Amino acid sequence: MVGLPLGRMVEIMIDRQATLDVLRQKEMVVHFTKKNGEQRIMTCTLSPNFIPEDNLPKGTSTKEPKPLAEQTACSVYDIEAKGWRSFLWDNVTEIKDIDTAMAQTLSNLQHGTKKYYRIHIYGYGGELVYHNISKQAFDYWKDKDEETITDYVLNDDAETVDVPAEADFAFEDGYRRPWYELDGVAHDNGASEGAAYIQIEQVEDESYSAKTIKEIYDGGFNDFVNLVNDGELDTGPAIGGDLDWIQDDLESEEPYLFYGISSEKGGFFDGMIITNEEFNPRHLEFSSTEYPNGDNIIHTVKYKGEDVDNNGGDTNGKGYYFGVIEW
């Protein structure tokens, strides 16, 4: 732990302290990896109510213990082995109280060991493109009003386009390209982070019409991120780690750009997570890109490092926005 930032040490201490506090009250089920790589599940406790008197610790130590954040292992009483065992904090993958574990076992018997979690991201966003144009085209269009450039971009009749050849950026390779193909710099489609909502629910199977078993969350996307990182959605003592957020910005070596945006409302992401474990929102990872127009588009969802496939969305168009910028 040498050199560990103070904030991270405090986070670890809070997570471990929460686990120890519950262990001192009841039985817990700890999933961890042994030093030899073997996966282990142990029902254990630190509560005198569940430890035989002969196995209770004798006496007290006068040695000052290490700070909790610097301790690598936790010693507990193994209920099934009827003896003291230990696990490494860094190797813990899941912790839950005995009631939650029993409920999960019952659920497994009813619905199978595989668990299905549907993630739905909805709200406002849209499809957008950015495309490199010449300085001549930029100079021609920069002072034109939005209606003029919109009429030009949406006009698919080449004979009625009345602009100078050097400004006719939609005409490439011998044909007039629709606006959504003018994507030489960027092309994205998704919910805008500031106007997005997320719904997560456990369902019976991976079919589209699967029955909901339980709802985990349905509300504002940013609220969800904050609740996860604050531990409000943990189902047991937190084992640390924040929900990952990868934030990118538009990158372009081209100084003059056309942008086209189709503003839309509805569902932008519908994916399924299939796992043998209880869903842990801290394992989620989102990626987004912030564009010059101010939209921060969510475009990738991962769970435990693996991409969650987007099975599609269903949106309604609210309008088009076109223009040129100097970048």
Protein backbone atom coordinates (compact mmCIF):
# COMPACT_ATOMS: atom_id res chain seq x y z
CA MET A 1 0.00 0.00 0.00
CA VAL A 2 3.04 2.28 -0.08
CA GLY A 3 2.27 5.43 -2.02
CA LEU A 4 -1.48 4.78 -2.10
CA PRO A 5 -3.42 8.07 -2.44
CA LEU A 6 -5.12 9.16 0.77
CA GLY A 7 -8.55 9.19 -0.89
CA ARG A 8 -8.17 5.59 -2.05
CA MET A 9 -6.98 4.51 1.43
CA VAL A 10 -10.08 6.04 2.97
CA GLU A 11 -12.29 4.31 0.36
CA ILE A 12 -10.70 0.92 1.11
CA MET A 13 -11.05 1.42 4.85
CA ILE A 14 -14.72 2.31 4.50
CA ASP A 15 -15.43 -0.74 2.32
CA ARG A 16 -13.54 -3.14 4.58
CA GLN A 17 -14.91 -1.60 7.75
CA ALA A 18 -18.45 -2.07 6.43
CA THR A 19 -17.70 -5.74 5.77
CA LEU A 20 -16.20 -6.27 9.22
CA ASP A 21 -19.15 -4.54 10.88
CA VAL A 22 -21.59 -6.95 9.24
CA LEU A 23 -19.36 -9.99 9.94
CA ARG A 24 -19.44 -9.10 13.63
CA GLN A 25 -23.23 -9.28 13.57
CA LYS A 26 -24.15 -12.17 11.30
CA GLU A 27 -23.02 -14.89 8.91
CA MET A 28 -21.72 -13.77 5.51
CA VAL A 29 -21.02 -15.57 2.24
CA VAL A 30 -17.69 -14.51 0.73
CA HIS A 31 -16.65 -15.36 -2.85
CA PHE A 32 -12.90 -15.11 -3.39
CA THR A 33 -9.97 -16.52 -5.36
CA LYS A 34 -7.38 -18.60 -3.51
CA LYS A 35 -3.65 -18.12 -4.08
CA ASN A 36 -3.61 -21.16 -6.40
CA GLY A 37 -6.34 -19.61 -8.57
CA GLU A 38 -9.15 -21.81 -7.23
CA GLN A 39 -12.53 -20.14 -6.76
CA ARG A 40 -13.83 -20.45 -3.20
CA ILE A 41 -17.14 -19.69 -1.50
CA MET A 42 -17.03 -19.51 2.29
CA THR A 43 -19.79 -18.99 4.83
CA CYS A 44 -18.12 -17.20 7.70
CA THR A 45 -18.59 -14.82 10.62
CA LEU A 46 -16.96 -12.86 13.41
CA SER A 47 -20.07 -12.89 15.60
CA PRO A 48 -19.70 -14.71 18.95
CA ASN A 49 -23.32 -15.84 18.50
CA PHE A 50 -22.24 -18.24 15.73
CA ILE A 51 -18.79 -19.30 16.98
CA PRO A 52 -18.51 -22.22 19.44
CA GLU A 53 -17.11 -21.12 22.78
CA ASP A 54 -14.03 -23.33 22.38
CA ASN A 55 -13.17 -21.50 19.15
CA LEU A 56 -13.56 -17.97 20.45
CA PRO A 57 -10.30 -15.97 20.49
CA LYS A 58 -8.43 -16.20 23.80
CA GLY A 59 -6.95 -13.07 25.36
CA THR A 60 -6.02 -9.84 23.66
CA SER A 61 -2.92 -8.73 21.80
CA THR A 62 -0.91 -5.71 22.91
CA LYS A 63 0.57 -5.24 19.43
CA GLU A 64 -0.76 -2.22 17.54
CA PRO A 65 -2.60 -3.52 14.42
CA LYS A 66 -1.86 -2.14 10.97
CA PRO A 67 -4.32 0.37 9.52
CA LEU A 68 -7.19 -1.50 7.90
CA ALA A 69 -6.28 -0.19 4.44
CA GLU A 70 -2.83 -1.80 4.76
CA GLN A 71 -4.07 -5.20 5.90
CA THR A 72 -3.95 -7.78 3.09
CA ALA A 73 -5.96 -10.59 4.72
CA CYS A 74 -9.03 -11.01 6.88
CA SER A 75 -9.30 -13.81 9.45
CA VAL A 76 -12.82 -15.24 9.95
CA TYR A 77 -14.53 -18.28 11.42
CA ASP A 78 -15.57 -20.73 8.67
CA ILE A 79 -19.03 -22.05 9.61
CA GLU A 80 -18.81 -25.18 7.44
CA ALA A 81 -15.16 -26.06 8.19
CA LYS A 82 -15.69 -25.28 11.90
CA GLY A 83 -12.40 -23.46 12.16
CA TRP A 84 -10.60 -20.19 11.54
CA ARG A 85 -9.68 -19.38 7.95
CA SER A 86 -8.64 -16.26 6.05
CA PHE A 87 -9.07 -14.64 2.65
CA LEU A 88 -7.16 -11.89 0.85
CA TRP A 89 -9.08 -8.64 0.59
CA ASP A 90 -7.85 -8.01 -2.95
CA ASN A 91 -9.10 -11.44 -4.10
CA VAL A 92 -12.70 -10.95 -2.97
CA THR A 93 -15.17 -10.91 -5.86
CA GLU A 94 -18.48 -10.79 -3.97
CA ILE A 95 -19.78 -10.53 -0.40
CA LYS A 96 -23.37 -10.96 0.75
CA ASP A 97 -25.18 -11.76 3.96
CA ILE A 98 -26.59 -15.24 4.50
CA ASP A 99 -30.20 -14.13 3.91
CA THR A 100 -29.29 -12.66 0.51
CA ALA A 101 -27.31 -15.79 -0.38
CA MET A 102 -30.23 -18.06 0.53
CA ALA A 103 -32.63 -15.90 -1.48
CA GLN A 104 -30.25 -16.11 -4.43
CA THR A 105 -30.07 -19.91 -4.10
CA LEU A 106 -33.88 -20.08 -4.09
CA SER A 107 -33.96 -17.85 -7.17
CA ASN A 108 -31.46 -20.15 -8.88
CA LEU A 109 -33.70 -23.13 -8.20
CA GLN A 110 -36.69 -21.26 -9.64
CA HIS A 111 -35.02 -19.57 -12.62
CA GLY A 112 -31.78 -21.48 -13.18
CA THR A 113 -28.23 -20.50 -12.30
CA LYS A 114 -27.90 -18.08 -15.20
CA LYS A 115 -29.15 -14.58 -14.49
CA TYR A 116 -30.36 -12.13 -17.13
CA TYR A 117 -30.21 -8.37 -16.71
CA ARG A 118 -31.63 -6.01 -19.30
CA ILE A 119 -30.13 -2.53 -19.64
CA HIS A 120 -32.19 0.09 -21.42
CA ILE A 121 -30.89 3.64 -22.04
CA TYR A 122 -33.49 6.14 -23.20
CA GLY A 123 -34.27 9.84 -23.28
CA TYR A 124 -33.00 12.49 -25.70
CA GLY A 125 -30.08 12.25 -28.07
CA GLY A 126 -29.77 11.44 -31.73
CA GLU A 127 -27.56 10.74 -34.70
CA LEU A 128 -24.76 13.12 -35.55
CA VAL A 129 -21.95 13.39 -38.08
CA TYR A 130 -18.89 15.60 -38.51
CA HIS A 131 -17.19 15.94 -41.89
CA ASN A 132 -14.12 17.79 -43.13
CA ILE A 133 -14.73 20.57 -45.67
CA SER A 134 -12.48 23.04 -47.46
CA LYS A 135 -11.80 26.59 -46.30
CA GLN A 136 -13.63 27.85 -49.40
CA ALA A 137 -16.72 25.85 -48.41
CA PHE A 138 -16.48 27.08 -44.83
CA ASP A 139 -16.16 30.71 -45.93
CA TYR A 140 -19.22 30.34 -48.18
CA TRP A 141 -21.46 28.70 -45.59
CA LYS A 142 -20.36 30.29 -42.30
CA ASP A 143 -22.65 33.31 -42.64
CA LYS A 144 -25.62 31.50 -44.20
CA ASP A 145 -28.68 31.00 -42.02
CA GLU A 146 -29.68 27.54 -40.82
CA GLU A 147 -32.65 27.27 -43.18
CA THR A 148 -30.40 27.84 -46.22
CA ILE A 149 -27.85 25.19 -45.30
CA THR A 150 -30.65 22.79 -44.28
CA ASP A 151 -32.31 23.15 -47.70
CA TYR A 152 -28.94 22.49 -49.34
CA VAL A 153 -28.06 19.40 -47.25
CA LEU A 154 -31.48 17.78 -47.59
CA ASN A 155 -31.76 18.49 -51.34
CA ASP A 156 -31.13 15.26 -53.24
CA ASP A 157 -31.84 16.78 -56.65
CA ALA A 158 -28.44 17.75 -58.06
CA GLU A 159 -29.95 19.90 -60.80
CA THR A 160 -31.55 22.34 -58.34
CA VAL A 161 -28.44 22.93 -56.22
CA ASP A 162 -27.23 26.45 -56.89
CA VAL A 163 -23.94 26.86 -54.99
CA PRO A 164 -20.37 27.33 -56.22
CA ALA A 165 -18.54 24.09 -56.95
CA GLU A 166 -15.98 24.79 -54.21
CA ALA A 167 -18.80 25.10 -51.65
CA ASP A 168 -20.71 21.99 -52.80
CA PHE A 169 -19.20 19.69 -50.13
CA ALA A 170 -22.07 17.17 -50.29
CA PHE A 171 -21.16 16.29 -53.87
CA GLU A 172 -18.34 13.71 -53.73
CA ASP A 173 -17.11 10.93 -55.99
CA GLY A 174 -19.64 11.77 -58.68
CA TYR A 175 -22.82 11.69 -56.63
CA ARG A 176 -24.66 13.70 -54.00
CA ARG A 177 -24.29 12.12 -50.60
CA PRO A 178 -27.04 12.23 -47.96
CA TRP A 179 -26.12 14.12 -44.78
CA TYR A 180 -25.62 10.97 -42.68
CA GLU A 181 -22.87 9.81 -45.06
CA LEU A 182 -20.90 13.01 -44.54
CA ASP A 183 -19.03 11.42 -41.68
CA GLY A 184 -15.37 11.66 -42.56
CA VAL A 185 -14.48 12.79 -39.03
CA ALA A 186 -17.15 11.26 -36.79
CA HIS A 187 -20.45 9.40 -36.84
CA ASP A 188 -22.29 8.64 -33.61
CA ASN A 189 -25.75 7.71 -32.43
CA GLY A 190 -26.94 7.52 -28.87
CA ALA A 191 -28.46 9.19 -25.84
CA SER A 192 -27.08 12.49 -24.65
CA GLU A 193 -25.63 11.97 -21.17
CA GLY A 194 -27.27 15.06 -19.70
CA ALA A 195 -30.74 14.05 -20.93
CA ALA A 196 -30.50 10.26 -20.57
CA TYR A 197 -32.28 7.76 -18.35
CA ILE A 198 -31.31 4.19 -17.59
CA GLN A 199 -33.43 1.19 -16.64
CA ILE A 200 -31.89 -2.02 -15.29
CA GLU A 201 -34.03 -5.01 -14.47
CA GLN A 202 -33.55 -8.72 -13.90
CA VAL A 203 -35.63 -10.79 -16.31
CA GLU A 204 -36.43 -14.50 -16.65
CA ASP A 205 -34.54 -15.11 -19.90
CA GLU A 206 -32.91 -13.33 -22.83
CA SER A 207 -36.04 -13.14 -24.99
CA TYR A 208 -37.45 -9.73 -25.89
CA SER A 209 -40.72 -10.39 -24.02
CA ALA A 210 -39.10 -11.95 -20.92
CA LYS A 211 -40.96 -11.37 -17.66
CA THR A 212 -39.37 -8.99 -15.18
CA ILE A 213 -38.22 -10.65 -11.96
CA LYS A 214 -37.16 -7.45 -10.22
CA GLU A 215 -36.36 -3.86 -11.07
CA ILE A 216 -32.93 -2.68 -10.00
CA TYR A 217 -33.07 0.94 -11.15
CA ASP A 218 -35.08 3.24 -13.38
CA GLY A 219 -34.21 6.92 -13.40
CA GLY A 220 -31.77 9.60 -14.44
CA PHE A 221 -28.48 8.39 -15.87
CA ASN A 222 -26.29 10.84 -13.94
CA ASP A 223 -28.22 10.07 -10.75
CA PHE A 224 -27.50 6.38 -11.34
CA VAL A 225 -23.76 6.98 -11.68
CA ASN A 226 -23.69 9.00 -8.45
CA LEU A 227 -25.76 6.45 -6.52
CA VAL A 228 -23.49 3.59 -7.61
CA ASN A 229 -20.32 5.44 -6.66
CA ASP A 230 -21.83 6.45 -3.32
CA GLY A 231 -22.69 2.81 -2.56
CA GLU A 232 -26.45 3.45 -2.48
CA LEU A 233 -27.19 0.55 -4.86
CA ASP A 234 -24.92 -2.03 -3.20
CA THR A 235 -26.79 -5.18 -2.18
CA GLY A 236 -24.15 -6.05 0.45
CA PRO A 237 -20.99 -4.55 1.89
CA ALA A 238 -19.09 -2.74 -0.85
CA ILE A 239 -15.86 -4.34 -2.06
CA GLY A 240 -14.63 -1.10 -3.60
CA GLY A 241 -14.32 0.38 -7.04
CA ASP A 242 -16.31 3.02 -8.84
CA LEU A 243 -18.39 2.62 -11.95
CA ASP A 244 -16.00 3.35 -14.83
CA TRP A 245 -16.66 6.34 -17.09
CA ILE A 246 -14.49 6.89 -20.16
CA GLN A 247 -14.86 10.41 -21.49
CA ASP A 248 -13.55 11.29 -24.97
CA ASP A 249 -13.60 14.50 -26.97
CA LEU A 250 -13.92 14.94 -30.72
CA GLU A 251 -10.50 14.63 -32.32
CA SER A 252 -9.87 16.10 -35.75
CA GLU A 253 -6.84 17.43 -37.60
CA GLU A 254 -9.22 19.12 -40.03
CA PRO A 255 -9.82 22.80 -39.13
CA TYR A 256 -13.11 23.22 -41.03
CA LEU A 257 -16.04 20.93 -40.34
CA PHE A 258 -19.64 20.40 -41.37
CA TYR A 259 -21.92 18.97 -38.70
CA GLY A 260 -25.31 17.33 -39.09
CA ILE A 261 -27.58 16.30 -36.23
CA SER A 262 -30.87 14.47 -36.16
CA SER A 263 -32.38 15.22 -32.74
CA GLU A 264 -34.36 12.24 -31.47
CA LYS A 265 -36.29 10.98 -28.45
CA GLY A 266 -36.81 7.37 -27.35
CA GLY A 267 -34.72 4.29 -26.65
CA PHE A 268 -31.10 4.29 -27.80
CA PHE A 269 -29.65 1.19 -26.13
CA ASP A 270 -31.16 -2.17 -25.27
CA GLY A 271 -28.66 -4.79 -24.10
CA MET A 272 -28.56 -8.00 -22.10
CA ILE A 273 -26.05 -9.09 -19.46
CA ILE A 274 -25.96 -12.85 -18.83
CA THR A 275 -24.06 -13.93 -15.74
CA ASN A 276 -23.93 -16.63 -13.08
CA GLU A 277 -23.46 -14.02 -10.37
CA GLU A 278 -25.60 -11.37 -8.79
CA PHE A 279 -25.52 -8.16 -10.80
CA ASN A 280 -23.03 -5.60 -9.47
CA PRO A 281 -23.45 -2.09 -10.95
CA ARG A 282 -19.83 -1.28 -10.01
CA HIS A 283 -18.74 -3.61 -12.83
CA LEU A 284 -20.40 -1.39 -15.45
CA GLU A 285 -18.37 0.84 -17.75
CA PHE A 286 -19.72 3.56 -20.03
CA SER A 287 -17.96 5.43 -22.82
CA SER A 288 -19.08 8.72 -24.30
CA THR A 289 -17.79 11.44 -26.60
CA GLU A 290 -18.39 15.15 -26.10
CA TYR A 291 -18.94 16.99 -29.36
CA PRO A 292 -18.54 20.70 -30.19
CA ASN A 293 -22.31 21.23 -30.25
CA GLY A 294 -22.44 20.31 -26.55
CA ASP A 295 -23.87 16.80 -26.83
CA ASN A 296 -22.10 14.12 -24.79
CA ILE A 297 -23.19 10.94 -26.56
CA ILE A 298 -23.13 7.59 -24.74
CA HIS A 299 -22.01 5.00 -27.26
CA THR A 300 -20.52 1.98 -25.41
CA VAL A 301 -21.63 -0.13 -22.45
CA LYS A 302 -19.38 -2.79 -20.90
CA TYR A 303 -19.81 -5.19 -18.01
CA LYS A 304 -16.72 -6.69 -16.37
CA GLY A 305 -14.68 -5.48 -19.33
CA GLU A 306 -16.87 -7.12 -21.99
CA ASP A 307 -18.97 -5.17 -24.50
CA VAL A 308 -22.72 -5.39 -23.99
CA ASP A 309 -24.26 -5.71 -27.45
CA ASN A 310 -26.83 -3.10 -28.35
CA ASN A 311 -29.86 -4.91 -29.74
CA GLY A 312 -31.26 -1.69 -31.16
CA GLY A 313 -33.35 1.30 -30.26
CA ASP A 314 -36.65 2.92 -31.12
CA THR A 315 -36.64 6.70 -31.50
CA ASN A 316 -38.73 9.48 -32.99
CA GLY A 317 -37.07 12.32 -34.87
CA LYS A 318 -37.55 15.82 -33.49
CA GLY A 319 -35.69 17.89 -36.06
CA TYR A 320 -32.48 18.46 -38.00
CA TYR A 321 -29.62 20.82 -37.25
CA PHE A 322 -26.86 21.58 -39.75
CA GLY A 323 -23.97 24.00 -39.80
CA VAL A 324 -20.24 24.55 -40.23
CA ILE A 325 -17.57 25.30 -37.61
CA GLU A 326 -13.92 26.18 -37.47
CA TRP A 327 -12.26 23.61 -35.20
